Amino acid sequence: MHRFLAIVGVTLIISACSPGSPDVGATTTTAGVTTTSQQPSNELCIAGDIPFGDEGLIAALGEDTGDASSLTEIRWEQSATCERITLSFGAGSGAPAATLGPTGVSVIPYAGVVRILLPTEISTTAIADNLLEGDLLRSLYVFRANGQLAIDLHAIDGVAVTARAFTTTSPASLVIDVARAATTAVPVGVTATPTVVAISPTPGTGSYPIVVEGYASPGTASVHVQLLQDGTRLTDETMILRGDTDTWQAISYMIDDGPDGSVVVFIGAVDDDNNAGSGALVSVTVE
């Protein structure tokens, strides 16, 4: 598949909601895949004078107020050296939105994630997640954090990315260009399962407090956050979620203290005895 994509331009239009995970074998329904026989070019990456950024907030965009109230479509395009994500929006009237409100785009380099924080006025979405299967981007997740919609674009494991963003009006759209970053640093990546995605903690060395951040699959009512060592459960915190069925749901928690050495952070569902069940397990060596 990747070899084929390398020699033709590809456009993927995503417009359906999914209750599942974008892991292989559990993708959302797509409205269609269109290919063209034209050779890919670098035009997506070299056009315009908007710089790319590879860490932190790279763009603060949008009008003070906009009429966009729903995320209606995500369009993915691949060129020779970059990939473009275009978000389209609807207005309350049902027509395409004309303007987009305040929007932020950031790069989380250690995770290989480009994060889009949408305006608070955008309350509904037609997409929950999807596989992208590009040379740079692997998948995307739409989630809610404190009721606000956000989108994470996940790079392929081990690929460091840089991004830029701009908006259009009438109709309103948000365009994200993602390219390979000029760095030798290798992102740790995320821990992704069908039910939970853990952005942090990441496998490897760490220290207290351990920050737990990620999202649970649509419809999840609650998750447990546990700290384990040598098979012993040291902490067990239950997080009650909103139960949103159209998006993934943000998880945020902090483990303030615990033992040094090798520990495991579990985020997910438990069995009747509160033992770790389905979810994400992240091994951390606390120093």
Foldseek 3Di string as FASTA:
>chain_A
DAVVCLFWKKKWKAFAFAQWDQDPPGFTDTPDIDIDNDGFDCCVPPPDDQDWAQFFWRDWDWDQDWQFAEWGMWMWIDGNFKIKIKIWGPGPVRHTTFTFHIKIWGHDFQAQKIKIWGDLNHQYYRYAKGADPYQFWGMKGWEDDPRTIMMITHTDFFFRKIWGWYWHGPRTMIMIMIGTDPDPDTHLHWFDDTFWIWSDDGAEEDAPFGKTKTWTGAQDQKKWKFKADPRDTDDIDIDGFPRHRRYTYMDTDIRGDDDAAKIKIFIGDADPVRHGDDGDIHIYGYD
